[in-house]
Amino acid sequence: MASSGSIPVSELREQLAAVVDELATHGKAIKLTRHGQPVAVLMGYQAFEALLDDFDDADDYRALAEYDAAEDHDTIPWEVVKRDLGIA
């Protein structure tokens, strides 16, 4: 089966249910190959969600780094905000 972490596409057709069960149970990705070359990756839903979370985190870190690198942050002092909102 896909114990090595990869499976030929031709075998996937015959083993799809077992592969999906393995992905759902173990959450690891399985590389699909054609003629010995990687062509795609299958992963469990939880692994996919975790990957999306990682991408979101990376975007947040990148935005923070860009903000920190900017010379002018265009910020408004807290005292001015409170005064403008009438809560000072």
N, C-alpha and C. Protein backbone atom coordinates (compact mmCIF):
# COMPACT_ATOMS: atom_id res chain seq x y z
N MET A 1 0.84 -1.18 0.00
CA MET A 1 0.00 0.00 0.00
C MET A 1 0.88 1.24 0.00
N ALA A 2 0.49 2.28 0.69
CA ALA A 2 1.23 3.54 0.65
C ALA A 2 2.12 3.70 1.87
N SER A 3 2.63 2.61 2.39
CA SER A 3 3.43 2.68 3.62
C SER A 3 4.72 3.47 3.41
N SER A 4 5.19 3.55 2.18
CA SER A 4 6.42 4.31 1.91
C SER A 4 6.14 5.80 1.76
N GLY A 5 4.86 6.20 1.81
CA GLY A 5 4.52 7.60 1.63
C GLY A 5 4.24 7.96 0.19
N SER A 6 4.30 6.98 -0.71
CA SER A 6 3.96 7.24 -2.10
C SER A 6 3.26 6.02 -2.68
N ILE A 7 2.50 6.27 -3.72
CA ILE A 7 1.77 5.20 -4.39
C ILE A 7 1.61 5.58 -5.87
N PRO A 8 1.80 4.62 -6.76
CA PRO A 8 1.56 4.91 -8.17
C PRO A 8 0.08 5.20 -8.43
N VAL A 9 -0.20 6.11 -9.33
CA VAL A 9 -1.57 6.45 -9.67
C VAL A 9 -2.33 5.21 -10.11
N SER A 10 -1.66 4.32 -10.83
CA SER A 10 -2.33 3.11 -11.31
C SER A 10 -2.81 2.23 -10.15
N GLU A 11 -2.10 2.22 -9.03
CA GLU A 11 -2.52 1.44 -7.87
C GLU A 11 -3.57 2.17 -7.04
N LEU A 12 -3.59 3.48 -7.14
CA LEU A 12 -4.55 4.26 -6.36
C LEU A 12 -5.98 3.88 -6.69
N ARG A 13 -6.24 3.63 -7.96
CA ARG A 13 -7.60 3.26 -8.37
C ARG A 13 -8.09 2.05 -7.58
N GLU A 14 -7.22 1.08 -7.38
CA GLU A 14 -7.60 -0.16 -6.69
C GLU A 14 -7.62 0.00 -5.18
N GLN A 15 -6.89 0.96 -4.66
CA GLN A 15 -6.70 1.08 -3.21
C GLN A 15 -7.24 2.38 -2.63
N LEU A 16 -8.12 3.05 -3.35
CA LEU A 16 -8.56 4.38 -2.93
C LEU A 16 -9.15 4.38 -1.52
N ALA A 17 -10.03 3.44 -1.23
CA ALA A 17 -10.66 3.42 0.10
C ALA A 17 -9.62 3.26 1.20
N ALA A 18 -8.66 2.37 1.01
CA ALA A 18 -7.62 2.15 2.01
C ALA A 18 -6.73 3.39 2.16
N VAL A 19 -6.42 4.04 1.05
CA VAL A 19 -5.59 5.25 1.09
C VAL A 19 -6.32 6.36 1.85
N VAL A 20 -7.60 6.54 1.56
CA VAL A 20 -8.38 7.57 2.25
C VAL A 20 -8.45 7.26 3.74
N ASP A 21 -8.65 5.99 4.10
CA ASP A 21 -8.67 5.61 5.51
C ASP A 21 -7.34 5.93 6.18
N GLU A 22 -6.24 5.64 5.50
CA GLU A 22 -4.91 5.92 6.06
C GLU A 22 -4.71 7.43 6.25
N LEU A 23 -5.14 8.20 5.28
CA LEU A 23 -5.01 9.66 5.39
C LEU A 23 -5.86 10.20 6.53
N ALA A 24 -7.06 9.69 6.66
CA ALA A 24 -7.95 10.16 7.73
C ALA A 24 -7.44 9.75 9.10
N THR A 25 -6.84 8.58 9.19
CA THR A 25 -6.37 8.06 10.47
C THR A 25 -5.04 8.66 10.89
N HIS A 26 -4.09 8.70 9.97
CA HIS A 26 -2.73 9.13 10.31
C HIS A 26 -2.43 10.58 9.94
N GLY A 27 -3.23 11.15 9.06
CA GLY A 27 -3.09 12.55 8.73
C GLY A 27 -1.87 12.92 7.92
N LYS A 28 -1.13 11.98 7.44
CA LYS A 28 0.07 12.29 6.66
C LYS A 28 -0.30 12.42 5.18
N ALA A 29 0.56 13.04 4.44
CA ALA A 29 0.36 13.18 3.00
C ALA A 29 0.93 11.96 2.28
N ILE A 30 0.33 11.64 1.16
CA ILE A 30 0.81 10.55 0.32
C ILE A 30 1.10 11.12 -1.07
N LYS A 31 2.30 10.84 -1.54
CA LYS A 31 2.73 11.32 -2.86
C LYS A 31 2.23 10.34 -3.91
N LEU A 32 1.62 10.87 -4.96
CA LEU A 32 1.19 10.05 -6.09
C LEU A 32 2.26 10.13 -7.18
N THR A 33 2.58 8.98 -7.73
CA THR A 33 3.62 8.94 -8.77
C THR A 33 3.06 8.37 -10.06
N ARG A 34 3.67 8.77 -11.15
CA ARG A 34 3.37 8.21 -12.46
C ARG A 34 4.72 7.96 -13.13
N HIS A 35 4.96 6.72 -13.50
CA HIS A 35 6.24 6.32 -14.09
C HIS A 35 7.40 6.68 -13.15
N GLY A 36 7.15 6.54 -11.84
CA GLY A 36 8.19 6.78 -10.85
C GLY A 36 8.43 8.24 -10.50
N GLN A 37 7.71 9.14 -11.15
CA GLN A 37 7.89 10.58 -10.90
C GLN A 37 6.71 11.12 -10.10
N PRO A 38 6.96 11.98 -9.13
CA PRO A 38 5.85 12.56 -8.37
C PRO A 38 4.99 13.45 -9.25
N VAL A 39 3.66 13.29 -9.12
CA VAL A 39 2.74 14.09 -9.93
C VAL A 39 1.69 14.82 -9.09
N ALA A 40 1.45 14.35 -7.87
CA ALA A 40 0.43 14.99 -7.02
C ALA A 40 0.62 14.52 -5.58
N VAL A 41 -0.13 15.16 -4.69
CA VAL A 41 -0.10 14.80 -3.28
C VAL A 41 -1.53 14.72 -2.78
N LEU A 42 -1.82 13.68 -2.02
CA LEU A 42 -3.10 13.57 -1.32
C LEU A 42 -2.82 13.74 0.16
N MET A 43 -3.72 14.42 0.86
CA MET A 43 -3.55 14.56 2.30
C MET A 43 -4.91 14.53 2.97
N GLY A 44 -4.89 14.17 4.25
CA GLY A 44 -6.11 14.16 5.03
C GLY A 44 -6.61 15.58 5.25
N TYR A 45 -7.90 15.69 5.58
CA TYR A 45 -8.50 17.01 5.74
C TYR A 45 -7.86 17.78 6.89
N GLN A 46 -7.57 17.11 8.00
CA GLN A 46 -6.95 17.81 9.13
C GLN A 46 -5.57 18.35 8.75
N ALA A 47 -4.82 17.58 7.99
CA ALA A 47 -3.50 18.05 7.53
C ALA A 47 -3.66 19.26 6.61
N PHE A 48 -4.69 19.23 5.77
CA PHE A 48 -4.96 20.35 4.87
C PHE A 48 -5.31 21.60 5.66
N GLU A 49 -6.18 21.46 6.66
CA GLU A 49 -6.55 22.60 7.50
C GLU A 49 -5.32 23.16 8.22
N ALA A 50 -4.46 22.28 8.72
CA ALA A 50 -3.24 22.73 9.40
C ALA A 50 -2.33 23.48 8.42
N LEU A 51 -2.25 23.01 7.20
CA LEU A 51 -1.44 23.68 6.18
C LEU A 51 -1.99 25.08 5.89
N LEU A 52 -3.31 25.19 5.77
CA LEU A 52 -3.91 26.51 5.55
C LEU A 52 -3.64 27.44 6.72
N ASP A 53 -3.72 26.91 7.94
CA ASP A 53 -3.40 27.72 9.13
C ASP A 53 -1.96 28.20 9.08
N ASP A 54 -1.05 27.31 8.66
CA ASP A 54 0.36 27.70 8.54
C ASP A 54 0.54 28.82 7.52
N PHE A 55 -0.18 28.72 6.39
CA PHE A 55 -0.11 29.78 5.38
C PHE A 55 -0.63 31.09 5.94
N ASP A 56 -1.74 31.03 6.68
CA ASP A 56 -2.29 32.24 7.29
C ASP A 56 -1.29 32.85 8.27
N ASP A 57 -0.67 32.00 9.09
CA ASP A 57 0.33 32.49 10.04
C ASP A 57 1.50 33.14 9.31
N ALA A 58 1.95 32.50 8.23
CA ALA A 58 3.07 33.06 7.46
C ALA A 58 2.70 34.42 6.89
N ASP A 59 1.46 34.55 6.40
CA ASP A 59 1.01 35.85 5.88
C ASP A 59 1.00 36.90 6.99
N ASP A 60 0.55 36.49 8.18
CA ASP A 60 0.53 37.43 9.31
C ASP A 60 1.94 37.87 9.67
N TYR A 61 2.87 36.92 9.74
CA TYR A 61 4.26 37.26 10.07
C TYR A 61 4.87 38.17 9.01
N ARG A 62 4.56 37.89 7.75
CA ARG A 62 5.09 38.71 6.66
C ARG A 62 4.53 40.14 6.75
N ALA A 63 3.24 40.26 7.01
CA ALA A 63 2.64 41.59 7.14
C ALA A 63 3.24 42.35 8.32
N LEU A 64 3.45 41.66 9.42
CA LEU A 64 4.06 42.30 10.59
C LEU A 64 5.49 42.75 10.28
N ALA A 65 6.23 41.90 9.59
CA ALA A 65 7.61 42.26 9.23
C ALA A 65 7.63 43.47 8.30
N GLU A 66 6.70 43.52 7.35
CA GLU A 66 6.62 44.68 6.45
C GLU A 66 6.27 45.94 7.23
N TYR A 67 5.36 45.81 8.17
CA TYR A 67 4.98 46.96 8.99
C TYR A 67 6.16 47.43 9.82
N ASP A 68 6.87 46.48 10.45
CA ASP A 68 8.03 46.84 11.26
C ASP A 68 9.13 47.49 10.43
N ALA A 69 9.26 47.08 9.17
CA ALA A 69 10.31 47.60 8.31
C ALA A 69 9.98 48.99 7.77
N ALA A 70 8.71 49.35 7.80
CA ALA A 70 8.31 50.66 7.28
C ALA A 70 8.84 51.76 8.19
N GLU A 71 9.31 52.84 7.58
CA GLU A 71 9.85 53.95 8.37
C GLU A 71 8.73 54.76 9.01
N ASP A 72 7.66 54.98 8.28
CA ASP A 72 6.56 55.78 8.79
C ASP A 72 5.35 54.86 8.97
N HIS A 73 4.94 54.69 10.20
CA HIS A 73 3.83 53.78 10.48
C HIS A 73 2.47 54.45 10.38
N ASP A 74 2.44 55.75 10.15
CA ASP A 74 1.17 56.48 10.06
C ASP A 74 0.25 56.15 11.23
N THR A 75 0.78 56.22 12.42
CA THR A 75 -0.02 55.93 13.61
C THR A 75 -0.59 57.21 14.20
N ILE A 76 -1.64 57.04 14.95
CA ILE A 76 -2.27 58.16 15.65
C ILE A 76 -2.10 57.91 17.14
N PRO A 77 -1.58 58.87 17.86
CA PRO A 77 -1.41 58.68 19.30
C PRO A 77 -2.75 58.36 19.98
N TRP A 78 -2.70 57.49 20.96
CA TRP A 78 -3.89 57.04 21.67
C TRP A 78 -4.67 58.23 22.27
N GLU A 79 -3.98 59.20 22.78
CA GLU A 79 -4.65 60.36 23.37
C GLU A 79 -5.48 61.11 22.32
N VAL A 80 -4.98 61.19 21.10
CA VAL A 80 -5.71 61.86 20.01
C VAL A 80 -6.95 61.04 19.64
N VAL A 81 -6.82 59.74 19.58
CA VAL A 81 -7.96 58.87 19.25
C VAL A 81 -9.05 59.05 20.30
N LYS A 82 -8.68 59.00 21.58
CA LYS A 82 -9.67 59.16 22.65
C LYS A 82 -10.35 60.52 22.56
N ARG A 83 -9.57 61.56 22.30
CA ARG A 83 -10.14 62.90 22.19
C ARG A 83 -11.12 62.98 21.02
N ASP A 84 -10.71 62.43 19.86
CA ASP A 84 -11.57 62.48 18.67
C ASP A 84 -12.86 61.69 18.86
N LEU A 85 -12.80 60.62 19.64
CA LEU A 85 -13.99 59.81 19.90
C LEU A 85 -14.83 60.35 21.06
N GLY A 86 -14.31 61.36 21.72
CA GLY A 86 -15.03 61.95 22.84
C GLY A 86 -15.01 61.10 24.09
N ILE A 87 -13.97 60.28 24.23
CA ILE A 87 -13.88 59.43 25.42
C ILE A 87 -12.69 59.81 26.30
N ALA A 88 -12.10 60.95 26.03
CA ALA A 88 -10.92 61.37 26.80
C ALA A 88 -11.33 62.01 28.10
